[in-house]
Protein backbone atom coordinates (compact mmCIF):
# COMPACT_ATOMS: atom_id res chain seq x y z
CA LEU A 1 6.12 206.65 91.34
CA VAL A 2 9.12 205.58 93.40
CA SER A 3 10.12 202.71 95.59
CA TRP A 4 10.14 202.61 99.36
CA LYS A 5 11.41 199.99 101.77
CA ALA A 6 9.96 198.38 104.86
CA LEU A 7 11.99 197.17 107.81
CA LEU A 8 10.53 194.19 109.63
CA GLY A 9 11.74 193.07 113.06
CA LEU A 10 10.64 190.03 115.05
CA ARG A 11 11.00 190.09 118.81
CA GLY A 12 9.93 187.80 121.60
CA GLY A 13 10.37 184.11 122.30
CA GLY A 14 14.08 184.35 121.53
CA ALA A 15 13.37 185.29 117.92
CA LYS A 16 16.03 187.34 116.17
CA THR A 17 15.45 190.69 114.60
CA GLN A 18 15.38 190.55 110.83
CA GLU A 19 15.31 193.13 108.06
CA ILE A 20 13.21 192.45 104.98
CA PRO A 21 13.16 194.98 102.13
CA ALA A 22 9.81 195.38 100.40
CA GLN A 23 8.97 197.25 97.23
CA VAL A 24 5.89 199.36 96.57
CA THR A 25 5.25 202.62 94.79
CA ASP A 26 4.65 205.85 96.64
CA ASN A 27 5.57 209.52 97.22
CA ILE A 28 7.98 211.37 99.48
CA PHE A 29 7.99 214.92 100.76
CA ALA A 30 10.93 217.26 100.59
CA GLN A 31 10.65 218.61 104.12
CA ALA A 32 9.44 217.30 107.44
CA VAL A 33 8.94 218.70 110.91
CA LEU A 34 9.91 216.19 113.57
CA PRO A 35 8.10 216.24 116.92
CA GLY A 36 9.83 218.67 119.23
CA GLU A 37 12.34 219.76 116.59
CA GLY A 38 12.61 222.46 114.01
CA GLU A 39 12.30 222.07 110.27
CA LYS A 40 14.68 219.62 108.66
CA THR A 41 15.51 219.67 104.97
CA LEU A 42 15.43 216.31 103.22
CA GLU A 43 18.43 215.98 100.90
CA ARG A 44 17.93 213.58 98.04
CA THR A 45 20.80 211.60 96.59
CA ASP A 46 21.70 210.80 93.01
CA SER A 47 21.70 207.00 93.31
CA GLN A 48 19.94 204.70 90.88
CA GLU A 49 17.00 204.45 93.29
CA THR A 50 16.34 208.19 93.16
CA PRO A 51 14.09 208.92 90.17
CA PRO A 52 14.46 212.29 88.42
CA THR A 53 10.71 212.99 88.13
CA PRO A 54 8.60 214.91 90.70
CA LEU A 55 7.60 212.58 93.48
CA PHE A 56 5.00 214.40 95.55
CA ASP A 57 2.38 217.09 95.73
CA GLU A 58 3.73 219.75 98.06
CA ASP A 59 0.31 221.34 98.54
CA VAL A 60 -1.25 219.66 101.58
CA SER A 61 -3.56 222.55 102.44
CA GLN A 62 -6.64 220.76 101.09
CA PRO A 63 -8.13 217.75 102.91
CA LEU A 64 -7.86 214.34 101.31
CA GLU A 65 -10.75 213.32 99.09
CA PRO A 66 -12.72 210.30 100.33
CA PHE A 67 -11.53 207.07 98.78
CA PRO A 68 -14.06 205.69 96.25
CA ARG A 69 -16.61 203.03 97.26
CA ILE A 70 -15.65 203.01 100.95
CA HIS A 71 -19.03 204.29 102.14
CA TYR A 72 -22.03 202.46 100.69
CA VAL A 73 -25.56 203.72 101.36
CA GLY A 74 -27.57 201.34 99.17
CA SER A 75 -29.87 198.59 100.41
CA GLY A 76 -27.96 195.71 98.82
CA TRP A 77 -27.08 194.08 95.51
CA GLU A 78 -28.90 191.98 92.96
CA MET A 79 -26.58 189.06 92.28
CA GLN A 80 -26.42 185.59 90.78
CA LEU A 81 -25.52 182.72 93.12
CA ARG A 82 -23.69 179.76 91.63
CA GLN A 83 -25.38 176.49 92.59
CA PRO A 84 -24.65 173.88 93.72
CA ASN A 85 -21.75 175.38 95.64
CA LYS A 86 -19.36 172.45 95.26
CA LYS A 87 -17.95 171.72 91.83
CA LYS A 88 -19.79 169.06 89.88
CA ILE A 89 -20.40 168.38 86.22
CA THR A 90 -20.68 171.75 84.46
CA GLY A 91 -24.06 170.91 82.98
CA GLN A 92 -25.49 170.40 86.47
CA ARG A 93 -24.52 173.87 87.73
CA PHE A 94 -26.62 176.96 87.23
CA TRP A 95 -27.01 180.61 88.28
CA LYS A 96 -29.76 181.56 90.72
CA LYS A 97 -30.95 185.15 91.13
CA VAL A 98 -30.56 186.40 94.71
CA PHE A 99 -30.51 189.68 96.61
CA MET A 100 -27.60 190.19 99.01
CA LYS A 101 -27.26 192.44 102.04
CA LEU A 102 -24.40 193.16 104.41
CA VAL A 103 -25.84 193.85 107.85
CA TYR A 104 -24.48 194.07 111.38
CA GLN A 105 -25.83 191.96 114.20
CA GLY A 106 -24.36 193.83 117.13
CA GLU A 107 -20.76 194.38 116.04
CA ASN A 108 -20.59 191.29 113.84
CA PRO A 109 -20.98 191.67 110.04
CA VAL A 110 -23.30 189.13 108.43
CA LEU A 111 -24.01 188.45 104.76
CA GLN A 112 -27.67 187.71 104.10
CA LEU A 113 -29.02 186.09 100.93
CA PHE A 114 -32.66 186.60 99.90
CA ASN A 115 -34.68 185.04 97.11
CA ASN A 116 -36.21 188.45 96.36
CA LYS A 117 -35.46 192.01 97.36
CA ASP A 118 -38.77 192.36 99.23
CA ASP A 119 -38.40 189.16 101.29
CA LYS A 120 -38.25 189.68 105.05
CA ASP A 121 -36.29 186.57 105.97
CA PRO A 122 -33.07 185.42 104.27
CA PHE A 123 -32.71 181.84 103.11
CA GLN A 124 -29.03 181.87 104.09
CA GLU A 125 -26.87 183.85 106.52
CA LEU A 126 -23.09 183.85 106.72
CA PRO A 127 -21.33 185.61 109.64
CA LEU A 128 -17.96 186.94 108.46
CA GLN A 129 -14.78 185.65 110.13
CA PRO A 130 -11.25 187.19 110.10
CA CYS A 131 -9.91 184.18 108.18
CA TYR A 132 -12.30 184.77 105.26
CA SER A 133 -11.16 186.56 102.13
CA VAL A 134 -12.58 187.85 98.87
CA SER A 135 -11.04 186.69 95.62
CA ASP A 136 -10.16 188.96 92.72
CA ILE A 137 -12.96 189.72 90.30
CA GLY A 138 -12.96 187.35 87.35
CA ALA A 139 -15.12 186.80 84.28
CA GLN A 140 -16.60 183.67 82.77
CA GLN A 141 -19.06 182.75 80.06
CA TYR A 142 -22.66 183.41 81.11
CA ASP A 143 -24.65 182.61 77.98
CA ASN A 144 -24.31 182.82 74.22
CA PHE A 145 -24.41 186.61 74.34
CA GLY A 146 -21.92 187.61 77.00
CA LYS A 147 -19.95 186.98 80.16
CA ILE A 148 -20.57 187.47 83.87
CA PHE A 149 -18.25 188.98 86.47
CA THR A 150 -17.63 186.63 89.40
CA VAL A 151 -16.10 186.73 92.86
CA LYS A 152 -15.64 184.06 95.54
CA LEU A 153 -15.90 184.34 99.29
CA GLN A 154 -13.49 181.77 100.65
CA PHE A 155 -12.01 180.39 103.84
CA ILE A 156 -8.24 179.90 103.69
CA PHE A 157 -6.21 177.84 106.16
CA TYR A 158 -2.64 176.59 105.94
CA LYS A 159 -0.85 173.29 106.46
CA GLU A 160 2.85 172.91 107.19
CA ARG A 161 4.14 170.12 104.98
CA PRO A 162 7.36 169.03 103.27
CA GLY A 163 7.99 171.05 100.17
CA VAL A 164 10.25 173.60 98.52
CA ARG A 165 9.37 177.24 98.86
CA PRO A 166 9.79 179.69 95.95
CA GLY A 167 13.42 180.75 95.64
CA GLN A 168 14.74 177.99 97.90
CA VAL A 169 16.22 175.99 95.01
CA THR A 170 18.14 179.02 93.73
CA LYS A 171 19.54 179.68 97.21
CA ALA A 172 20.57 176.03 97.54
CA GLU A 173 22.46 176.21 94.23
CA ARG A 174 24.35 179.29 95.41
CA ILE A 175 25.30 177.59 98.67
CA THR A 176 26.43 174.44 96.81
CA ASN A 177 28.75 176.58 94.70
CA LYS A 178 30.32 177.89 97.91
CA LEU A 179 31.26 174.46 99.31
CA SER A 180 34.84 174.63 98.02
CA GLN A 181 35.17 178.12 99.46
CA PHE A 182 33.84 176.85 102.79
CA ALA A 183 36.44 174.05 102.78
CA ALA A 184 39.16 176.62 102.17
CA TYR A 185 37.92 178.71 105.08
CA ALA A 186 37.94 175.65 107.34
CA ILE A 187 41.48 174.62 106.35
CA GLN A 188 42.79 178.16 106.85
CA GLY A 189 41.04 178.47 110.19
CA ASP A 190 39.08 181.49 108.99
CA TYR A 191 36.39 181.62 111.66
CA GLN A 192 34.56 184.57 110.10
CA GLY A 193 34.27 182.85 106.71
CA VAL A 194 32.95 179.66 108.29
CA LYS A 195 30.49 181.71 110.30
CA GLU A 196 29.18 183.48 107.18
CA PHE A 197 28.68 180.14 105.41
CA GLY A 198 26.81 178.77 108.43
CA SER A 199 24.62 181.85 108.45
CA ASP A 200 23.78 181.38 104.74
CA LEU A 201 22.96 177.72 105.38
CA LYS A 202 20.67 178.64 108.25
CA LYS A 203 18.85 181.21 106.11
CA LEU A 204 18.11 178.50 103.55
CA GLY A 205 15.83 176.82 106.08
CA LEU A 206 14.19 173.44 106.09
CA PRO A 207 12.39 172.09 103.00
CA VAL A 208 9.03 172.96 104.53
CA GLU A 209 6.25 175.04 103.02
CA HIS A 210 3.02 176.48 104.38
CA ALA A 211 0.52 175.39 101.76
CA PRO A 212 -2.82 177.23 101.54
CA GLN A 213 -5.99 175.16 101.61
CA ILE A 214 -8.93 177.04 100.08
CA SER A 215 -12.53 176.22 100.90
CA GLN A 216 -15.10 178.07 98.81
CA LEU A 217 -18.03 179.40 100.84
CA PHE A 218 -19.97 180.63 97.83
CA LYS A 219 -19.49 182.10 94.39
CA ILE A 220 -21.56 185.02 93.16
CA GLY A 221 -21.75 186.83 89.87
CA SER A 222 -23.16 189.94 88.24
CA GLN A 223 -23.12 191.44 84.78
CA ASN A 224 -22.73 194.87 86.41
CA TYR A 225 -19.05 195.38 87.20
CA GLU A 226 -19.69 198.35 89.50
CA ASP A 227 -22.04 196.28 91.68
CA MET A 228 -19.46 193.52 91.92
CA LYS A 229 -16.66 195.95 92.80
CA GLN A 230 -18.79 197.73 95.38
CA PHE A 231 -19.75 194.43 97.02
CA SER A 232 -16.12 193.31 97.12
CA VAL A 233 -15.00 196.59 98.73
CA CYS A 234 -17.78 196.47 101.35
CA VAL A 235 -16.84 192.94 102.41
CA GLU A 236 -13.14 193.86 102.58
CA GLU A 237 -14.00 196.87 104.76
CA ALA A 238 -15.96 194.63 107.13
CA LEU A 239 -13.12 192.08 107.31
CA PHE A 240 -10.56 194.83 107.99
CA ARG A 241 -12.47 196.00 111.06
CA LEU A 242 -13.07 192.53 112.50
CA PRO A 243 -11.05 191.82 115.67
CA ALA A 244 -8.56 188.94 115.38
CA HIS A 245 -6.20 187.94 118.18
CA ARG A 246 -3.59 185.28 118.87
CA ASP A 247 -5.19 183.05 121.48
CA ARG A 248 -2.58 180.29 121.90
CA ALA A 249 1.08 179.50 121.30
CA LEU A 250 1.96 177.12 118.47
CA ASN A 251 5.23 175.60 117.31
CA TYR A 252 6.38 175.55 113.69
CA LYS A 253 9.26 173.62 112.19
CA MET A 254 9.93 176.60 109.95
CA GLU A 255 8.92 180.13 110.91
CA GLU A 256 7.85 182.48 108.15
CA VAL A 257 6.35 185.92 107.68
CA GLN A 258 5.00 187.50 104.50
CA ILE A 259 4.11 191.12 103.84
CA THR A 260 2.24 192.14 100.71
CA ALA A 261 2.00 195.79 99.70
CA VAL A 262 -0.91 196.76 97.45
CA ASP A 263 -1.10 200.18 95.79
CA GLU A 264 -4.52 201.41 94.69
CA LEU A 265 -4.84 204.38 92.35
CA TYR A 266 -7.96 205.98 90.88
CA VAL A 267 -7.41 208.39 87.99
CA ASP A 268 -9.83 210.61 86.07
CA GLN A 269 -8.59 211.49 82.59
CA ASN A 270 -9.90 213.78 79.88
CA SER A 271 -10.31 212.89 76.22
CA THR A 272 -6.69 213.81 75.45
CA GLY A 273 -5.25 211.63 78.22
CA GLY A 274 -4.57 214.43 80.69
CA VAL A 275 -4.96 213.61 84.37
CA ILE A 276 -7.79 215.59 85.97
CA ARG A 277 -7.86 213.91 89.37
CA GLN A 278 -6.05 211.06 91.09
CA ILE A 279 -6.56 209.40 94.46
CA ALA A 280 -4.16 206.84 95.93
CA ARG A 281 -3.68 204.67 98.99
CA VAL A 282 -1.40 201.86 100.15
CA ARG A 283 -2.53 198.68 101.91
CA LEU A 284 -0.22 196.29 103.78
CA PHE A 285 -1.25 192.66 104.27
CA PHE A 286 0.44 190.32 106.76
CA LEU A 287 0.65 186.54 107.03
CA GLY A 288 2.75 184.92 109.74
CA PHE A 289 3.72 181.45 110.94
CA LEU A 290 5.51 182.12 114.21
CA SER A 291 6.16 179.91 117.22
CA GLY A 292 5.13 181.05 120.67
CA MET A 293 3.50 184.40 121.33
CA PRO A 294 5.93 186.89 119.76
CA ASP A 295 5.49 190.60 119.23
CA VAL A 296 6.23 191.80 115.72
CA GLU A 297 7.55 195.29 115.00
CA LEU A 298 7.23 196.78 111.54
CA GLY A 299 8.83 200.05 110.52
CA VAL A 300 8.06 201.82 107.27
CA ASN A 301 9.91 204.78 105.80
CA ASP A 302 7.73 207.29 107.60
CA LEU A 303 9.27 210.75 107.35
CA VAL A 304 9.05 211.12 111.12
CA ARG A 305 11.38 208.14 111.59
CA GLN A 306 14.11 209.32 109.24
CA GLY A 307 17.53 208.34 110.56
CA LYS A 308 16.16 205.87 113.13
CA GLU A 309 16.59 202.61 111.20
CA VAL A 310 17.72 199.82 113.53
CA VAL A 311 19.11 196.40 112.63
CA GLY A 312 19.75 193.81 115.32
CA ARG A 313 21.57 190.99 113.48
CA HIS A 314 25.30 191.11 112.81
CA ASP A 315 25.08 189.44 109.40
CA ILE A 316 22.51 191.76 107.84
CA ILE A 317 23.66 194.80 105.90
CA PRO A 318 21.22 197.68 106.49
CA VAL A 319 19.55 198.94 103.33
CA VAL A 320 19.63 202.71 103.47
CA THR A 321 16.21 204.21 102.79
CA GLU A 322 16.62 207.30 100.65
CA GLU A 323 13.00 208.07 99.84
CA TRP A 324 10.77 209.09 102.74
CA ILE A 325 7.01 209.50 102.62
CA ARG A 326 4.35 211.16 104.70
CA LEU A 327 1.64 208.80 105.90
CA GLU A 328 -1.85 210.32 106.05
CA ALA A 329 -5.17 208.93 107.28
CA VAL A 330 -3.45 205.87 108.75
CA GLU A 331 -5.72 203.00 109.81
CA PHE A 332 -4.69 199.81 111.61
CA HIS A 333 -5.98 196.33 112.23
CA SER A 334 -7.26 195.68 115.75
CA CYS A 335 -4.15 193.65 116.67
CA VAL A 336 -1.88 196.71 116.32
CA GLN A 337 -0.94 198.64 119.47
CA GLN A 338 -1.99 202.11 118.38
CA ASP A 339 -0.61 203.82 121.49
CA GLU A 340 2.84 202.44 120.64
CA TYR A 341 2.54 203.83 117.12
CA GLU A 342 1.54 207.27 118.37
CA ARG A 343 4.53 207.30 120.71
CA THR A 344 7.31 205.80 118.56
CA ARG A 345 5.88 205.55 115.02
CA THR A 346 6.64 201.82 115.19
CA ILE A 347 3.91 199.37 114.22
CA LYS A 348 3.93 196.79 117.02
CA PHE A 349 1.44 193.94 117.06
CA LYS A 350 0.82 190.34 118.04
CA PRO A 351 -0.38 188.76 114.78
CA PRO A 352 -3.11 186.13 114.58
CA ASP A 353 -1.75 182.73 113.69
CA ALA A 354 -1.71 181.73 110.01
CA CYS A 355 -4.31 184.36 109.14
CA TYR A 356 -3.96 186.66 106.13
CA ILE A 357 -5.01 190.07 107.47
CA GLU A 358 -4.92 193.64 106.25
CA LEU A 359 -2.50 195.07 108.78
CA MET A 360 -2.69 198.75 107.90
CA ARG A 361 -3.64 201.24 105.21
CA PHE A 362 -2.71 204.84 104.59
CA ARG A 363 -3.30 207.58 102.05
CA VAL A 364 -0.70 209.32 99.91
CA ARG A 365 -0.83 212.39 97.65
CA PRO A 366 0.32 211.58 94.10
CA PRO A 367 2.18 214.34 92.21
């Protein structure tokens, strides 16, 4: 397992290009064939970021195995619905047995809740929206004999309000320590030093945070972990394929983008701990608070783009990417311009406003 870096650039509406390093774990491949070129050998360095262990499976002759739980053929799930939905005194809340189905009405996914599996009409329907999300699976006390696995379907929206973001205090302390140095630059007439201090001050940003507001739609539980995991995956698949577009221009006091990389690995082991089979994929999630209607360009260390890193700001030092990976079975959110990716291997998109989406996913071959 090694690290790879992502380069993120913002363009449009006068926004400046910015580079943000991100860390996830993945593979690289020793050789690559660029479009229209011959074979090119990938030379690895001996820096601290280059691990000594094997990083990839060179054998790509076999097709990728299907990722677990992606395709569900069952009729639904027997679950427990927490009622009443809103939090009240614990003694007044209880679990109600329900049967849940995920169906499509046209192209729109809808969750249906039935009192019994054989009922024809649901007592509740919930059309899924791009701004919905599924919480992590938790566990809580069910009765005197055991616990129940739980998951929440929730609607998340964000408010821009005064506050200090994580890491902002540390940055402010570093800038405060540089005040005497800034004064020396100003007295000496060192324009470059003053400019660097101004750039650091600008990067600190306003004391504004984008605080999430979570509204619980419902909470369900099951004592069967596999059912709960399968339900969670099916809902995430439906949310990933929902179209979400930026329909209007907004203005923010403080612009912000967040990218979250999630590695998923399934491993089969024998009784002695040996690895029999392993399947892996990487998922990238995006959340943006951007003014206007900007286009965002994201570049990952795709082997095809080796040597094409671009940085547009004078005060950013490019981080050299030494470990390159081959992306397989790449899938994108509907807001991504797939024709642009096929042509330039750059992920260009117009993100929905203040909406946490799964931007892309791809498969990798673990060693």
